[in-house]
Amino acid sequence: MRGFVGNIEELTVSNSNFRQVLYTGHNLQLVIMAIAPGEEIGEEVHEDRDQFFRVESGEGEVQIDGLSTAVRAEDAIIVPAGARHNILNRGTTPLQLYTIYGPPEHVDGTVHRTKADAEAGHEHFDGRTTE
């Protein structure tokens, strides 16, 4: 097995896709995201998975079960399974972050160029991993 090795900061800040799955294991999934100014991920709940976010660039807001907190570059966020959450871009530049789902959420290799693409084609993890 080769796993994943890469400069996550460079990969994240150079990403212009709303969502791009970089690696899918059996228990974890690595995804980079770029949220445009004024956009948001969209309120969601993952009943059976925890989620970690790291903001690499930009300014925004995270909402977890009704509590709003400002976030910016170098902030980390953990959303426990079952928590209603959303991340919003409150800045004037893309909010660039990466997230780790445990277990995976998306089909391996997924690329959504825009939020509209993500909303139109959101397919859940089908059990197939990167390797």
Protein backbone atom coordinates (compact mmCIF):
# COMPACT_ATOMS: atom_id res chain seq x y z
CA MET A 1 0.00 0.00 0.00
CA ARG A 2 1.25 3.45 -0.80
CA GLY A 3 -1.08 5.65 1.28
CA PHE A 4 -0.98 9.38 0.67
CA VAL A 5 2.00 11.73 0.93
CA GLY A 6 1.79 15.34 -0.20
CA ASN A 7 2.17 18.95 0.86
CA ILE A 8 -1.38 19.47 2.06
CA GLU A 9 -0.97 23.24 2.45
CA GLU A 10 0.18 23.67 -1.16
CA LEU A 11 -2.49 21.30 -2.48
CA THR A 12 -5.20 23.14 -0.53
CA VAL A 13 -4.24 26.73 -1.39
CA SER A 14 -3.76 25.92 -5.08
CA ASN A 15 -7.15 24.18 -5.30
CA SER A 16 -10.00 26.00 -7.04
CA ASN A 17 -12.55 23.16 -6.91
CA PHE A 18 -15.41 23.32 -4.43
CA ARG A 19 -14.59 19.73 -3.46
CA GLN A 20 -11.91 17.26 -4.52
CA VAL A 21 -11.30 13.88 -2.90
CA LEU A 22 -7.54 13.26 -2.65
CA TYR A 23 -7.48 9.92 -0.87
CA THR A 24 -9.98 7.39 0.42
CA GLY A 25 -9.03 4.69 2.90
CA HIS A 26 -11.29 2.20 4.66
CA ASN A 27 -11.64 4.44 7.72
CA LEU A 28 -10.60 7.96 6.63
CA GLN A 29 -11.00 10.23 3.62
CA LEU A 30 -8.97 13.35 2.72
CA VAL A 31 -10.80 16.10 0.80
CA ILE A 32 -9.71 19.63 -0.22
CA MET A 33 -12.24 22.42 -0.66
CA ALA A 34 -12.44 26.01 -1.92
CA ILE A 35 -15.55 27.90 -0.84
CA ALA A 36 -16.18 31.07 -2.86
CA PRO A 37 -16.84 34.41 -1.11
CA GLY A 38 -20.43 34.51 0.10
CA GLU A 39 -20.91 30.74 -0.32
CA GLU A 40 -21.15 27.96 2.23
CA ILE A 41 -20.86 24.20 2.41
CA GLY A 42 -24.52 24.00 3.35
CA GLU A 43 -25.99 22.85 6.62
CA GLU A 44 -25.62 19.11 7.08
CA VAL A 45 -25.49 16.33 9.65
CA HIS A 46 -23.37 13.18 9.38
CA GLU A 47 -24.99 10.78 11.83
CA ASP A 48 -22.27 8.14 11.59
CA ARG A 49 -19.00 9.97 10.98
CA ASP A 50 -16.74 12.53 12.61
CA GLN A 51 -15.17 15.31 10.56
CA PHE A 52 -11.98 17.34 10.97
CA PHE A 53 -11.36 20.62 9.09
CA ARG A 54 -8.21 22.71 8.80
CA VAL A 55 -8.47 26.21 7.29
CA GLU A 56 -5.41 27.07 5.18
CA SER A 57 -6.51 30.38 3.66
CA GLY A 58 -9.36 32.86 4.01
CA GLU A 59 -11.88 33.85 6.66
CA GLY A 60 -15.18 32.31 7.53
CA GLU A 61 -17.58 31.05 10.12
CA VAL A 62 -18.32 27.58 11.41
CA GLN A 63 -21.70 26.73 12.88
CA ILE A 64 -22.00 23.62 15.04
CA ASP A 65 -25.34 22.86 16.66
CA GLY A 66 -26.32 26.54 16.69
CA LEU A 67 -22.99 27.92 17.96
CA SER A 68 -21.21 30.22 15.47
CA THR A 69 -17.45 30.78 15.62
CA ALA A 70 -15.22 32.87 13.34
CA VAL A 71 -12.44 30.89 11.66
CA ARG A 72 -9.37 31.83 9.63
CA ALA A 73 -6.13 30.37 8.32
CA GLU A 74 -4.48 27.85 10.66
CA ASP A 75 -7.69 27.11 12.58
CA ALA A 76 -8.82 23.53 13.13
CA ILE A 77 -12.41 22.39 13.57
CA ILE A 78 -13.79 19.06 14.73
CA VAL A 79 -17.44 18.22 14.11
CA PRO A 80 -18.59 15.13 16.02
CA ALA A 81 -20.96 12.65 14.45
CA GLY A 82 -24.57 13.78 14.76
CA ALA A 83 -23.80 17.52 15.00
CA ARG A 84 -25.63 19.90 12.63
CA HIS A 85 -22.93 22.02 10.99
CA ASN A 86 -22.07 24.46 8.23
CA ILE A 87 -19.01 26.41 7.11
CA LEU A 88 -19.53 29.81 5.49
CA ASN A 89 -17.06 32.05 3.67
CA ARG A 90 -17.33 35.52 5.25
CA GLY A 91 -14.29 36.94 3.46
CA THR A 92 -13.50 38.39 0.05
CA THR A 93 -11.21 35.56 -1.11
CA PRO A 94 -11.83 31.81 -1.35
CA LEU A 95 -11.98 29.95 1.96
CA GLN A 96 -9.57 27.10 1.34
CA LEU A 97 -9.56 24.16 3.66
CA TYR A 98 -9.13 20.45 3.87
CA THR A 99 -11.29 17.97 5.70
CA ILE A 100 -10.88 14.43 6.94
CA TYR A 101 -13.96 12.27 7.27
CA GLY A 102 -13.92 9.19 9.46
CA PRO A 103 -15.29 7.01 7.91
CA PRO A 104 -15.35 8.25 4.28
CA GLU A 105 -18.29 10.30 2.99
CA HIS A 106 -17.79 10.69 -0.78
CA VAL A 107 -17.08 8.39 -3.70
CA ASP A 108 -13.31 8.11 -4.21
CA GLY A 109 -11.99 10.48 -6.89
CA THR A 110 -14.95 12.86 -6.67
CA VAL A 111 -14.32 16.35 -8.09
CA HIS A 112 -17.02 19.01 -7.85
CA ARG A 113 -15.86 22.19 -9.57
CA THR A 114 -18.63 24.30 -8.02
CA LYS A 115 -21.12 24.10 -5.17
CA ALA A 116 -23.89 23.65 -7.76
CA ASP A 117 -22.02 20.62 -9.14
CA ALA A 118 -21.76 19.22 -5.61
CA GLU A 119 -25.47 19.68 -4.97
CA ALA A 120 -26.38 18.05 -8.29
CA GLY A 121 -24.04 15.09 -7.97
CA HIS A 122 -23.54 14.21 -4.32
CA GLU A 123 -22.93 10.47 -4.16
CA HIS A 124 -22.08 8.81 -0.87
CA PHE A 125 -19.10 6.54 -0.31
CA ASP A 126 -19.62 3.21 -2.07
CA GLY A 127 -16.97 1.18 -0.25
CA ARG A 128 -14.28 1.55 -2.92
CA THR A 129 -10.98 2.98 -1.69
CA THR A 130 -8.09 4.68 -3.50
CA GLU A 131 -6.01 1.51 -3.39
